[in-house]
């Protein structure tokens, strides 16, 4: 694709309204180089070290996801999906998901957002997906926070885990974003929506419910997808009023949150509790929930007696939770709320 880097920079600057820093420009340059290589006729790319994928990793908030999503906008022969969603589709044997996977393998480029591994089964499934991609003329650009060496360790099957890592390193050209500056950090939080350690949190969130809901009385709404059916109460048309403990005790996953986010615009989440190592399921659900709301540009109001940076005091998935906090900080800004509330 001609002038890909200039088109990508133009989209970031004029549409997303961010001014790429030097590290983000390096990412754009690497993407341009990678796509230019596989866009050439095969006779010109018969190099021993030609890779089928590009893996971009680095600290949270450096712009990896923003750049990948912008790339999808300007590169029509691509398909983008969240890594969580990819694993779900690989695990599901439904005709719809098998058809989707078959179709994306016909694309020139697959974009995978937020690569992370928290179990060996997912690691094996992804390895098998990558193996199948090798037989097509399809390439992958993927982003994540961790290096392939540190993305996952399995104490029971360390040799298999190491084998998968080596296979992925052979598949992907690896590019590390050197910046550690979170572009979301330092933005002012709207304390009418993000009520952290506020005594008037109940009154404030009650006001949000009454002011922004499209219906005055609450209803119970049913949600259904293949493999799950559930109900949620306290739905006021475009707004839902949630209690943290009740909601995250429900056995919901990324796809369920996506169903909810596409049907409901505004989420009022009350009394977020501090999460520790003993509540890994709650942590995983909360991470997926925030990822979904961020991707769908939903509006969120939260209340908690704990500061954002102290919401999680464990080690498991701590890197992923840093992304969650970074996204929460952006979702709590006046700019995000005013832009997406319309």
C-alpha atoms as a PDB file:
ATOM      1  CA  UNK A   1       0.000   0.000   0.000  1.00  0.00           C
ATOM      2  CA  UNK A   2       1.483   3.313  -1.102  1.00  0.00           C
ATOM      3  CA  UNK A   3       2.134   6.028   1.479  1.00  0.00           C
ATOM      4  CA  UNK A   4       0.846   3.819   4.301  1.00  0.00           C
ATOM      5  CA  UNK A   5       2.911   5.538   6.984  1.00  0.00           C
ATOM      6  CA  UNK A   6       1.778   9.034   5.986  1.00  0.00           C
ATOM      7  CA  UNK A   7      -1.864   7.893   5.857  1.00  0.00           C
ATOM      8  CA  UNK A   8      -1.508   6.257   9.263  1.00  0.00           C
ATOM      9  CA  UNK A   9       0.068   9.358  10.799  1.00  0.00           C
ATOM     10  CA  UNK A  10      -2.618  11.548   9.214  1.00  0.00           C
ATOM     11  CA  UNK A  11      -5.368   9.348  10.706  1.00  0.00           C
ATOM     12  CA  UNK A  12      -3.773   9.447  14.161  1.00  0.00           C
ATOM     13  CA  UNK A  13      -3.361  13.225  14.017  1.00  0.00           C
ATOM     14  CA  UNK A  14      -6.567  14.353  12.334  1.00  0.00           C
ATOM     15  CA  UNK A  15      -9.105  11.695  13.313  1.00  0.00           C
ATOM     16  CA  UNK A  16      -7.936  10.329  16.668  1.00  0.00           C
ATOM     17  CA  UNK A  17      -6.435  13.696  17.641  1.00  0.00           C
ATOM     18  CA  UNK A  18      -3.129  12.485  19.025  1.00  0.00           C
ATOM     19  CA  UNK A  19       0.251  13.768  17.925  1.00  0.00           C
ATOM     20  CA  UNK A  20       2.540  10.726  17.540  1.00  0.00           C
ATOM     21  CA  UNK A  21       5.753  10.870  19.538  1.00  0.00           C
ATOM     22  CA  UNK A  22       9.067   9.493  18.278  1.00  0.00           C
ATOM     23  CA  UNK A  23       8.397   5.977  19.620  1.00  0.00           C
ATOM     24  CA  UNK A  24       4.952   5.854  18.012  1.00  0.00           C
ATOM     25  CA  UNK A  25       6.471   7.049  14.733  1.00  0.00           C
ATOM     26  CA  UNK A  26       8.967   4.178  15.019  1.00  0.00           C
ATOM     27  CA  UNK A  27       6.044   1.743  15.325  1.00  0.00           C
ATOM     28  CA  UNK A  28       4.401   3.252  12.237  1.00  0.00           C
ATOM     29  CA  UNK A  29       7.689   2.940  10.356  1.00  0.00           C
ATOM     30  CA  UNK A  30       8.076  -0.723  11.362  1.00  0.00           C
ATOM     31  CA  UNK A  31       4.501  -1.475  10.236  1.00  0.00           C
ATOM     32  CA  UNK A  32       5.191   0.250   6.900  1.00  0.00           C
ATOM     33  CA  UNK A  33       8.353  -1.826   6.458  1.00  0.00           C
ATOM     34  CA  UNK A  34       6.592  -5.098   7.343  1.00  0.00           C
ATOM     35  CA  UNK A  35       3.597  -4.507   5.066  1.00  0.00           C
ATOM     36  CA  UNK A  36       5.821  -3.318   2.214  1.00  0.00           C
ATOM     37  CA  UNK A  37       7.808  -6.566   2.435  1.00  0.00           C
ATOM     38  CA  UNK A  38       4.811  -8.879   2.164  1.00  0.00           C
ATOM     39  CA  UNK A  39       3.161  -6.693  -0.483  1.00  0.00           C
ATOM     40  CA  UNK A  40       6.068  -7.255  -2.871  1.00  0.00           C
ATOM     41  CA  UNK A  41       5.933 -10.058  -5.457  1.00  0.00           C
ATOM     42  CA  UNK A  42       7.065 -13.348  -3.904  1.00  0.00           C
ATOM     43  CA  UNK A  43      10.180 -13.568  -6.091  1.00  0.00           C
ATOM     44  CA  UNK A  44      11.410 -10.364  -4.469  1.00  0.00           C
ATOM     45  CA  UNK A  45      10.836 -11.558  -0.892  1.00  0.00           C
ATOM     46  CA  UNK A  46      12.472 -14.981  -0.872  1.00  0.00           C
ATOM     47  CA  UNK A  47      14.660 -14.183   2.121  1.00  0.00           C
ATOM     48  CA  UNK A  48      15.614 -16.730   4.753  1.00  0.00           C
ATOM     49  CA  UNK A  49      14.493 -14.489   7.578  1.00  0.00           C
ATOM     50  CA  UNK A  50      11.128 -13.420   6.153  1.00  0.00           C
ATOM     51  CA  UNK A  51       8.530 -13.460   8.938  1.00  0.00           C
ATOM     52  CA  UNK A  52       4.805 -14.053   8.684  1.00  0.00           C
ATOM     53  CA  UNK A  53       3.945 -11.808  11.622  1.00  0.00           C
ATOM     54  CA  UNK A  54       4.916  -8.636  13.451  1.00  0.00           C
ATOM     55  CA  UNK A  55       4.581  -8.530  17.237  1.00  0.00           C
ATOM     56  CA  UNK A  56       4.668  -5.070  18.816  1.00  0.00           C
ATOM     57  CA  UNK A  57       5.060  -5.064  22.594  1.00  0.00           C
ATOM     58  CA  UNK A  58       5.798  -2.564  25.328  1.00  0.00           C
ATOM     59  CA  UNK A  59       4.434  -0.741  28.349  1.00  0.00           C
ATOM     60  CA  UNK A  60       0.756   0.141  28.728  1.00  0.00           C
ATOM     61  CA  UNK A  61      -0.487   3.417  27.306  1.00  0.00           C
ATOM     62  CA  UNK A  62       2.242   3.882  24.686  1.00  0.00           C
ATOM     63  CA  UNK A  63      -0.258   3.762  21.821  1.00  0.00           C
ATOM     64  CA  UNK A  64       0.008   0.177  20.519  1.00  0.00           C
ATOM     65  CA  UNK A  65      -3.748  -0.437  20.337  1.00  0.00           C
ATOM     66  CA  UNK A  66      -4.472   3.022  18.952  1.00  0.00           C
ATOM     67  CA  UNK A  67      -2.056   2.470  16.066  1.00  0.00           C
ATOM     68  CA  UNK A  68      -3.396  -1.011  15.248  1.00  0.00           C
ATOM     69  CA  UNK A  69      -6.987   0.269  15.192  1.00  0.00           C
ATOM     70  CA  UNK A  70      -5.962   3.182  12.983  1.00  0.00           C
ATOM     71  CA  UNK A  71      -4.283   0.691  10.643  1.00  0.00           C
ATOM     72  CA  UNK A  72      -7.560  -1.196  10.300  1.00  0.00           C
ATOM     73  CA  UNK A  73      -9.238   2.053   9.189  1.00  0.00           C
ATOM     74  CA  UNK A  74      -6.805   2.692   6.360  1.00  0.00           C
ATOM     75  CA  UNK A  75      -5.965  -0.870   5.296  1.00  0.00           C
ATOM     76  CA  UNK A  76      -9.195  -2.361   3.899  1.00  0.00           C
ATOM     77  CA  UNK A  77      -7.826  -5.880   3.353  1.00  0.00           C
ATOM     78  CA  UNK A  78      -7.444  -6.420   7.099  1.00  0.00           C
ATOM     79  CA  UNK A  79      -9.524  -7.849   9.931  1.00  0.00           C
ATOM     80  CA  UNK A  80      -9.118  -6.826  13.577  1.00  0.00           C
ATOM     81  CA  UNK A  81     -10.128  -8.705  16.699  1.00  0.00           C
ATOM     82  CA  UNK A  82      -9.296  -8.710  20.383  1.00  0.00           C
ATOM     83  CA  UNK A  83      -7.115 -11.644  21.467  1.00  0.00           C
ATOM     84  CA  UNK A  84      -9.761 -12.665  23.998  1.00  0.00           C
ATOM     85  CA  UNK A  85     -12.310 -12.880  21.211  1.00  0.00           C
ATOM     86  CA  UNK A  86      -9.940 -14.911  19.035  1.00  0.00           C
ATOM     87  CA  UNK A  87      -9.438 -17.508  21.780  1.00  0.00           C
ATOM     88  CA  UNK A  88     -13.187 -17.723  22.345  1.00  0.00           C
ATOM     89  CA  UNK A  89     -13.754 -18.393  18.642  1.00  0.00           C
ATOM     90  CA  UNK A  90     -10.962 -20.980  18.574  1.00  0.00           C
ATOM     91  CA  UNK A  91     -12.500 -22.782  21.554  1.00  0.00           C
ATOM     92  CA  UNK A  92     -16.011 -22.691  20.122  1.00  0.00           C
ATOM     93  CA  UNK A  93     -16.907 -25.254  17.499  1.00  0.00           C
ATOM     94  CA  UNK A  94     -20.065 -23.473  16.370  1.00  0.00           C
ATOM     95  CA  UNK A  95     -20.685 -23.189  12.646  1.00  0.00           C
ATOM     96  CA  UNK A  96     -20.706 -19.387  12.888  1.00  0.00           C
ATOM     97  CA  UNK A  97     -17.298 -19.150  14.581  1.00  0.00           C
ATOM     98  CA  UNK A  98     -15.718 -21.772  12.323  1.00  0.00           C
ATOM     99  CA  UNK A  99     -17.001 -19.809   9.337  1.00  0.00           C
ATOM    100  CA  UNK A 100     -15.573 -16.574  10.749  1.00  0.00           C
ATOM    101  CA  UNK A 101     -12.135 -18.139  11.290  1.00  0.00           C
ATOM    102  CA  UNK A 102     -12.175 -19.563   7.784  1.00  0.00           C
ATOM    103  CA  UNK A 103     -13.018 -16.154   6.328  1.00  0.00           C
ATOM    104  CA  UNK A 104     -10.370 -14.147   8.185  1.00  0.00           C
ATOM    105  CA  UNK A 105      -7.691 -16.534   6.952  1.00  0.00           C
ATOM    106  CA  UNK A 106      -8.528 -15.287   3.459  1.00  0.00           C
ATOM    107  CA  UNK A 107      -7.658 -11.720   4.460  1.00  0.00           C
ATOM    108  CA  UNK A 108      -4.272 -10.269   3.588  1.00  0.00           C
ATOM    109  CA  UNK A 109      -3.717  -9.069   7.141  1.00  0.00           C
ATOM    110  CA  UNK A 110      -5.072 -10.078  10.555  1.00  0.00           C
ATOM    111  CA  UNK A 111      -4.716  -7.534  13.372  1.00  0.00           C
ATOM    112  CA  UNK A 112      -4.780  -8.930  16.917  1.00  0.00           C
ATOM    113  CA  UNK A 113      -5.189  -6.505  19.809  1.00  0.00           C
ATOM    114  CA  UNK A 114      -4.019  -7.143  23.404  1.00  0.00           C
ATOM    115  CA  UNK A 115      -2.200 -10.479  23.199  1.00  0.00           C
ATOM    116  CA  UNK A 116      -1.892 -12.132  26.590  1.00  0.00           C
ATOM    117  CA  UNK A 117      -1.819 -15.708  27.867  1.00  0.00           C
ATOM    118  CA  UNK A 118      -3.104 -16.907  31.236  1.00  0.00           C
ATOM    119  CA  UNK A 119      -3.369 -20.651  30.626  1.00  0.00           C
ATOM    120  CA  UNK A 120      -1.672 -23.357  28.594  1.00  0.00           C
ATOM    121  CA  UNK A 121      -4.810 -24.262  26.647  1.00  0.00           C
ATOM    122  CA  UNK A 122      -5.013 -20.759  25.160  1.00  0.00           C
ATOM    123  CA  UNK A 123      -1.304 -20.894  24.336  1.00  0.00           C
ATOM    124  CA  UNK A 124      -1.748 -24.195  22.461  1.00  0.00           C
ATOM    125  CA  UNK A 125      -4.828 -22.952  20.604  1.00  0.00           C
ATOM    126  CA  UNK A 126      -3.008 -19.828  19.473  1.00  0.00           C
ATOM    127  CA  UNK A 127       0.014 -21.862  18.351  1.00  0.00           C
ATOM    128  CA  UNK A 128      -2.304 -24.047  16.240  1.00  0.00           C
ATOM    129  CA  UNK A 129      -3.929 -20.940  14.739  1.00  0.00           C
ATOM    130  CA  UNK A 130      -0.511 -19.547  13.802  1.00  0.00           C
ATOM    131  CA  UNK A 131       0.482 -22.889  12.249  1.00  0.00           C
ATOM    132  CA  UNK A 132      -2.597 -22.780  10.015  1.00  0.00           C
ATOM    133  CA  UNK A 133      -1.868 -19.178   9.021  1.00  0.00           C
ATOM    134  CA  UNK A 134       1.531 -20.260   7.681  1.00  0.00           C
ATOM    135  CA  UNK A 135      -0.169 -22.189   4.887  1.00  0.00           C
ATOM    136  CA  UNK A 136      -2.080 -19.113   3.695  1.00  0.00           C
ATOM    137  CA  UNK A 137      -0.720 -15.916   2.269  1.00  0.00           C
ATOM    138  CA  UNK A 138      -2.027 -14.107   5.365  1.00  0.00           C
ATOM    139  CA  UNK A 139       0.084 -12.037   7.738  1.00  0.00           C
ATOM    140  CA  UNK A 140      -0.486 -11.064  11.370  1.00  0.00           C
ATOM    141  CA  UNK A 141       0.272  -7.840  13.210  1.00  0.00           C
ATOM    142  CA  UNK A 142      -0.291  -8.228  16.939  1.00  0.00           C
ATOM    143  CA  UNK A 143       0.297  -6.106  20.020  1.00  0.00           C
ATOM    144  CA  UNK A 144       0.711  -6.878  23.706  1.00  0.00           C
ATOM    145  CA  UNK A 145       2.389  -5.727  26.881  1.00  0.00           C
ATOM    146  CA  UNK A 146       4.797  -8.606  27.506  1.00  0.00           C
ATOM    147  CA  UNK A 147       7.643 -10.036  25.468  1.00  0.00           C
ATOM    148  CA  UNK A 148       7.144 -13.532  24.062  1.00  0.00           C
ATOM    149  CA  UNK A 149       9.763 -14.794  26.523  1.00  0.00           C
ATOM    150  CA  UNK A 150       7.767 -13.596  29.534  1.00  0.00           C
ATOM    151  CA  UNK A 151       4.178 -13.831  28.280  1.00  0.00           C
ATOM    152  CA  UNK A 152       3.487 -17.129  30.061  1.00  0.00           C
ATOM    153  CA  UNK A 153       5.279 -19.790  32.108  1.00  0.00           C
ATOM    154  CA  UNK A 154       3.805 -23.171  32.962  1.00  0.00           C
ATOM    155  CA  UNK A 155       5.288 -25.048  35.928  1.00  0.00           C
ATOM    156  CA  UNK A 156       3.658 -28.354  34.934  1.00  0.00           C
ATOM    157  CA  UNK A 157       4.649 -28.293  31.244  1.00  0.00           C
ATOM    158  CA  UNK A 158       7.700 -26.009  30.996  1.00  0.00           C
ATOM    159  CA  UNK A 159       9.172 -27.778  27.938  1.00  0.00           C
ATOM    160  CA  UNK A 160       5.955 -27.488  25.928  1.00  0.00           C
ATOM    161  CA  UNK A 161       5.616 -23.854  26.965  1.00  0.00           C
ATOM    162  CA  UNK A 162       9.178 -23.109  25.843  1.00  0.00           C
ATOM    163  CA  UNK A 163       8.589 -24.941  22.546  1.00  0.00           C
ATOM    164  CA  UNK A 164       5.539 -22.788  21.783  1.00  0.00           C
ATOM    165  CA  UNK A 165       7.474 -19.614  22.598  1.00  0.00           C
ATOM    166  CA  UNK A 166      10.260 -20.612  20.201  1.00  0.00           C
ATOM    167  CA  UNK A 167       7.746 -21.362  17.450  1.00  0.00           C
ATOM    168  CA  UNK A 168       6.113 -17.961  17.928  1.00  0.00           C
ATOM    169  CA  UNK A 169       9.501 -16.243  17.889  1.00  0.00           C
ATOM    170  CA  UNK A 170      10.205 -17.954  14.568  1.00  0.00           C
ATOM    171  CA  UNK A 171       6.869 -16.709  13.201  1.00  0.00           C
ATOM    172  CA  UNK A 172       6.940 -13.110  14.439  1.00  0.00           C
ATOM    173  CA  UNK A 173       9.264 -10.240  13.765  1.00  0.00           C
ATOM    174  CA  UNK A 174       9.479  -8.658  17.218  1.00  0.00           C
ATOM    175  CA  UNK A 175       9.484  -4.916  17.850  1.00  0.00           C
ATOM    176  CA  UNK A 176       9.663  -3.432  21.328  1.00  0.00           C
ATOM    177  CA  UNK A 177       8.271   0.048  21.944  1.00  0.00           C
ATOM    178  CA  UNK A 178      10.920   1.748  24.059  1.00  0.00           C
ATOM    179  CA  UNK A 179       8.744   4.481  25.523  1.00  0.00           C
ATOM    180  CA  UNK A 180       7.404   4.002  29.052  1.00  0.00           C
ATOM    181  CA  UNK A 181       5.287   7.153  29.009  1.00  0.00           C
ATOM    182  CA  UNK A 182       1.549   6.493  29.275  1.00  0.00           C
ATOM    183  CA  UNK A 183      -0.117   9.003  26.944  1.00  0.00           C
ATOM    184  CA  UNK A 184      -3.304   8.712  29.043  1.00  0.00           C
ATOM    185  CA  UNK A 185      -1.549   9.675  32.283  1.00  0.00           C
ATOM    186  CA  UNK A 186      -1.933  13.165  33.680  1.00  0.00           C
ATOM    187  CA  UNK A 187      -5.360  13.817  32.187  1.00  0.00           C
ATOM    188  CA  UNK A 188      -7.862  15.367  34.581  1.00  0.00           C
ATOM    189  CA  UNK A 189     -10.512  13.018  35.962  1.00  0.00           C
ATOM    190  CA  UNK A 190     -14.158  14.127  35.969  1.00  0.00           C
ATOM    191  CA  UNK A 191     -15.058  13.707  39.638  1.00  0.00           C
ATOM    192  CA  UNK A 192     -18.768  13.822  38.863  1.00  0.00           C
ATOM    193  CA  UNK A 193     -18.394  10.442  37.136  1.00  0.00           C
ATOM    194  CA  UNK A 194     -15.381   8.890  38.870  1.00  0.00           C
ATOM    195  CA  UNK A 195     -16.133   9.020  42.574  1.00  0.00           C
ATOM    196  CA  UNK A 196     -13.014   7.818  44.337  1.00  0.00           C
ATOM    197  CA  UNK A 197     -13.067   8.103  48.134  1.00  0.00           C
ATOM    198  CA  UNK A 198     -16.033  10.509  47.898  1.00  0.00           C
ATOM    199  CA  UNK A 199     -18.570  10.696  50.727  1.00  0.00           C
ATOM    200  CA  UNK A 200     -21.316  11.866  48.361  1.00  0.00           C
ATOM    201  CA  UNK A 201     -20.868   8.957  45.921  1.00  0.00           C
ATOM    202  CA  UNK A 202     -24.405   7.589  46.403  1.00  0.00           C
ATOM    203  CA  UNK A 203     -26.033  10.960  45.714  1.00  0.00           C
ATOM    204  CA  UNK A 204     -23.779  11.625  42.714  1.00  0.00           C
ATOM    205  CA  UNK A 205     -24.406   8.251  41.089  1.00  0.00           C
ATOM    206  CA  UNK A 206     -28.129   8.454  41.783  1.00  0.00           C
ATOM    207  CA  UNK A 207     -28.079  11.787  39.945  1.00  0.00           C
ATOM    208  CA  UNK A 208     -26.320  10.199  36.942  1.00  0.00           C
ATOM    209  CA  UNK A 209     -29.006   7.500  36.800  1.00  0.00           C
ATOM    210  CA  UNK A 210     -31.845  10.038  36.901  1.00  0.00           C
ATOM    211  CA  UNK A 211     -30.179  12.570  34.588  1.00  0.00           C
ATOM    212  CA  UNK A 212     -28.798  10.370  31.807  1.00  0.00           C
ATOM    213  CA  UNK A 213     -31.139   7.365  31.647  1.00  0.00           C
ATOM    214  CA  UNK A 214     -33.598   7.245  28.753  1.00  0.00           C
ATOM    215  CA  UNK A 215     -36.274   5.539  30.878  1.00  0.00           C
ATOM    216  CA  UNK A 216     -37.447   6.441  34.386  1.00  0.00           C
ATOM    217  CA  UNK A 217     -38.340   2.946  35.562  1.00  0.00           C
ATOM    218  CA  UNK A 218     -35.953   0.004  35.558  1.00  0.00           C
ATOM    219  CA  UNK A 219     -36.445  -3.258  33.703  1.00  0.00           C
ATOM    220  CA  UNK A 220     -34.955  -6.712  33.614  1.00  0.00           C
ATOM    221  CA  UNK A 221     -33.224  -7.452  30.302  1.00  0.00           C
ATOM    222  CA  UNK A 222     -32.363 -10.859  28.855  1.00  0.00           C
ATOM    223  CA  UNK A 223     -29.103 -11.523  27.016  1.00  0.00           C
ATOM    224  CA  UNK A 224     -28.504 -14.585  24.906  1.00  0.00           C
ATOM    225  CA  UNK A 225     -25.650 -15.954  22.838  1.00  0.00           C
ATOM    226  CA  UNK A 226     -24.667 -19.475  21.854  1.00  0.00           C
ATOM    227  CA  UNK A 227     -23.472 -21.092  25.079  1.00  0.00           C
ATOM    228  CA  UNK A 228     -24.908 -18.619  27.568  1.00  0.00           C
ATOM    229  CA  UNK A 229     -28.129 -16.977  28.673  1.00  0.00           C
ATOM    230  CA  UNK A 230     -28.411 -14.466  31.508  1.00  0.00           C
ATOM    231  CA  UNK A 231     -30.549 -11.638  32.853  1.00  0.00           C
ATOM    232  CA  UNK A 232     -29.630  -8.241  34.273  1.00  0.00           C
ATOM    233  CA  UNK A 233     -31.830  -6.000  36.385  1.00  0.00           C
ATOM    234  CA  UNK A 234     -31.862  -2.239  36.976  1.00  0.00           C
ATOM    235  CA  UNK A 235     -31.675  -1.391  33.286  1.00  0.00           C
ATOM    236  CA  UNK A 236     -33.014   2.096  32.517  1.00  0.00           C
ATOM    237  CA  UNK A 237     -33.089   1.977  28.734  1.00  0.00           C
ATOM    238  CA  UNK A 238     -29.621   3.162  27.715  1.00  0.00           C
ATOM    239  CA  UNK A 239     -28.207   2.910  31.273  1.00  0.00           C
ATOM    240  CA  UNK A 240     -27.551   0.096  33.727  1.00  0.00           C
ATOM    241  CA  UNK A 241     -26.988   0.442  37.479  1.00  0.00           C
ATOM    242  CA  UNK A 242     -24.572  -2.214  38.773  1.00  0.00           C
ATOM    243  CA  UNK A 243     -23.238  -3.259  42.171  1.00  0.00           C
ATOM    244  CA  UNK A 244     -19.625  -4.442  41.837  1.00  0.00           C
ATOM    245  CA  UNK A 245     -19.877  -7.594  43.982  1.00  0.00           C
ATOM    246  CA  UNK A 246     -23.150  -8.790  42.477  1.00  0.00           C
ATOM    247  CA  UNK A 247     -22.127  -8.178  38.881  1.00  0.00           C
ATOM    248  CA  UNK A 248     -18.649  -9.698  38.937  1.00  0.00           C
ATOM    249  CA  UNK A 249     -19.737 -12.779  40.843  1.00  0.00           C
ATOM    250  CA  UNK A 250     -21.670 -13.698  37.689  1.00  0.00           C
ATOM    251  CA  UNK A 251     -19.811 -16.138  35.467  1.00  0.00           C
ATOM    252  CA  UNK A 252     -19.612 -13.830  32.445  1.00  0.00           C
ATOM    253  CA  UNK A 253     -16.863 -13.567  29.853  1.00  0.00           C
ATOM    254  CA  UNK A 254     -15.612 -11.103  27.235  1.00  0.00           C
ATOM    255  CA  UNK A 255     -18.357 -12.023  24.741  1.00  0.00           C
ATOM    256  CA  UNK A 256     -21.087 -11.498  27.365  1.00  0.00           C
ATOM    257  CA  UNK A 257     -19.770  -8.049  28.259  1.00  0.00           C
ATOM    258  CA  UNK A 258     -19.685  -7.256  24.548  1.00  0.00           C
ATOM    259  CA  UNK A 259     -23.362  -8.176  24.237  1.00  0.00           C
ATOM    260  CA  UNK A 260     -24.214  -5.847  27.110  1.00  0.00           C
ATOM    261  CA  UNK A 261     -22.025  -2.985  25.859  1.00  0.00           C
ATOM    262  CA  UNK A 262     -23.654  -3.000  22.431  1.00  0.00           C
ATOM    263  CA  UNK A 263     -27.124  -2.802  23.957  1.00  0.00           C
ATOM    264  CA  UNK A 264     -26.446  -0.343  26.803  1.00  0.00           C
ATOM    265  CA  UNK A 265     -24.473   2.901  26.530  1.00  0.00           C
ATOM    266  CA  UNK A 266     -23.957   4.085  30.137  1.00  0.00           C
ATOM    267  CA  UNK A 267     -22.705   1.960  33.030  1.00  0.00           C
ATOM    268  CA  UNK A 268     -22.968   3.030  36.667  1.00  0.00           C
ATOM    269  CA  UNK A 269     -20.708   0.716  38.667  1.00  0.00           C
ATOM    270  CA  UNK A 270     -20.966   1.131  42.438  1.00  0.00           C
ATOM    271  CA  UNK A 271     -18.595   0.183  45.239  1.00  0.00           C
ATOM    272  CA  UNK A 272     -15.596  -1.312  43.451  1.00  0.00           C
ATOM    273  CA  UNK A 273     -13.704  -3.382  46.013  1.00  0.00           C
ATOM    274  CA  UNK A 274      -9.983  -3.941  46.268  1.00  0.00           C
ATOM    275  CA  UNK A 275      -9.023  -7.177  44.494  1.00  0.00           C
ATOM    276  CA  UNK A 276      -6.355  -9.515  45.845  1.00  0.00           C
ATOM    277  CA  UNK A 277      -4.639 -12.707  44.691  1.00  0.00           C
ATOM    278  CA  UNK A 278      -7.519 -14.830  46.007  1.00  0.00           C
ATOM    279  CA  UNK A 279      -9.998 -13.259  43.571  1.00  0.00           C
ATOM    280  CA  UNK A 280      -8.429 -14.106  40.221  1.00  0.00           C
ATOM    281  CA  UNK A 281     -11.788 -14.770  38.569  1.00  0.00           C
ATOM    282  CA  UNK A 282     -13.076 -11.340  39.631  1.00  0.00           C
ATOM    283  CA  UNK A 283      -9.869  -9.772  38.327  1.00  0.00           C
ATOM    284  CA  UNK A 284     -10.101 -11.498  34.935  1.00  0.00           C
ATOM    285  CA  UNK A 285     -13.741 -10.474  34.540  1.00  0.00           C
ATOM    286  CA  UNK A 286     -13.047  -6.866  35.503  1.00  0.00           C
ATOM    287  CA  UNK A 287     -10.164  -6.648  33.006  1.00  0.00           C
ATOM    288  CA  UNK A 288     -12.373  -8.008  30.218  1.00  0.00           C
ATOM    289  CA  UNK A 289     -15.239  -5.713  31.220  1.00  0.00           C
ATOM    290  CA  UNK A 290     -13.113  -2.564  31.014  1.00  0.00           C
ATOM    291  CA  UNK A 291     -11.541  -3.708  27.725  1.00  0.00           C
ATOM    292  CA  UNK A 292     -15.006  -4.133  26.213  1.00  0.00           C
ATOM    293  CA  UNK A 293     -16.333  -0.784  27.441  1.00  0.00           C
ATOM    294  CA  UNK A 294     -13.207   0.974  26.200  1.00  0.00           C
ATOM    295  CA  UNK A 295     -13.424  -0.683  22.761  1.00  0.00           C
ATOM    296  CA  UNK A 296     -17.109   0.199  22.407  1.00  0.00           C
ATOM    297  CA  UNK A 297     -16.677   3.755  23.734  1.00  0.00           C
ATOM    298  CA  UNK A 298     -19.229   3.276  26.503  1.00  0.00           C
ATOM    299  CA  UNK A 299     -19.655   5.767  29.334  1.00  0.00           C
ATOM    300  CA  UNK A 300     -18.683   4.599  32.817  1.00  0.00           C
ATOM    301  CA  UNK A 301     -19.276   6.022  36.275  1.00  0.00           C
ATOM    302  CA  UNK A 302     -17.509   4.277  39.149  1.00  0.00           C
ATOM    303  CA  UNK A 303     -17.384   4.636  42.902  1.00  0.00           C
ATOM    304  CA  UNK A 304     -14.821   3.142  45.259  1.00  0.00           C
ATOM    305  CA  UNK A 305     -13.220   3.716  48.628  1.00  0.00           C
ATOM    306  CA  UNK A 306      -9.912   2.636  47.080  1.00  0.00           C
ATOM    307  CA  UNK A 307      -7.717   4.692  44.752  1.00  0.00           C
ATOM    308  CA  UNK A 308      -7.436   3.504  41.150  1.00  0.00           C
ATOM    309  CA  UNK A 309      -3.799   2.507  41.514  1.00  0.00           C
ATOM    310  CA  UNK A 310      -4.611   0.440  44.619  1.00  0.00           C
ATOM    311  CA  UNK A 311      -7.552  -1.505  43.190  1.00  0.00           C
ATOM    312  CA  UNK A 312      -5.427  -4.635  42.720  1.00  0.00           C
ATOM    313  CA  UNK A 313      -2.794  -5.818  45.211  1.00  0.00           C
ATOM    314  CA  UNK A 314      -1.868  -9.187  43.673  1.00  0.00           C
ATOM    315  CA  UNK A 315       0.695 -10.361  41.108  1.00  0.00           C
ATOM    316  CA  UNK A 316      -1.274 -12.524  38.673  1.00  0.00           C
ATOM    317  CA  UNK A 317      -2.118 -10.576  35.492  1.00  0.00           C
ATOM    318  CA  UNK A 318      -0.631  -7.433  37.022  1.00  0.00           C
ATOM    319  CA  UNK A 319       0.631  -6.276  33.601  1.00  0.00           C
ATOM    320  CA  UNK A 320      -2.839  -6.618  32.111  1.00  0.00           C
ATOM    321  CA  UNK A 321      -4.319  -4.745  35.043  1.00  0.00           C
ATOM    322  CA  UNK A 322      -1.964  -1.831  34.408  1.00  0.00           C
ATOM    323  CA  UNK A 323      -3.658  -1.547  31.019  1.00  0.00           C
ATOM    324  CA  UNK A 324      -7.035  -1.613  32.773  1.00  0.00           C
ATOM    325  CA  UNK A 325      -6.044   1.271  35.061  1.00  0.00           C
ATOM    326  CA  UNK A 326      -4.611   3.242  32.153  1.00  0.00           C
ATOM    327  CA  UNK A 327      -7.865   2.850  30.239  1.00  0.00           C
ATOM    328  CA  UNK A 328      -9.944   3.707  33.289  1.00  0.00           C
ATOM    329  CA  UNK A 329      -8.012   6.945  33.672  1.00  0.00           C
ATOM    330  CA  UNK A 330      -8.838   7.900  30.092  1.00  0.00           C
ATOM    331  CA  UNK A 331     -12.490   6.866  30.454  1.00  0.00           C
ATOM    332  CA  UNK A 332     -12.783   9.146  33.469  1.00  0.00           C
ATOM    333  CA  UNK A 333     -11.681  12.289  31.640  1.00  0.00           C
ATOM    334  CA  UNK A 334     -14.008  15.092  30.576  1.00  0.00           C
ATOM    335  CA  UNK A 335     -12.812  14.701  26.994  1.00  0.00           C
ATOM    336  CA  UNK A 336     -13.702  10.996  26.822  1.00  0.00           C
ATOM    337  CA  UNK A 337     -17.071  11.468  28.531  1.00  0.00           C
ATOM    338  CA  UNK A 338     -18.135  14.506  26.503  1.00  0.00           C
ATOM    339  CA  UNK A 339     -17.006  12.959  23.205  1.00  0.00           C
ATOM    340  CA  UNK A 340     -18.776   9.638  23.713  1.00  0.00           C
ATOM    341  CA  UNK A 341     -21.864  10.771  25.617  1.00  0.00           C
ATOM    342  CA  UNK A 342     -23.304  12.397  22.501  1.00  0.00           C
END
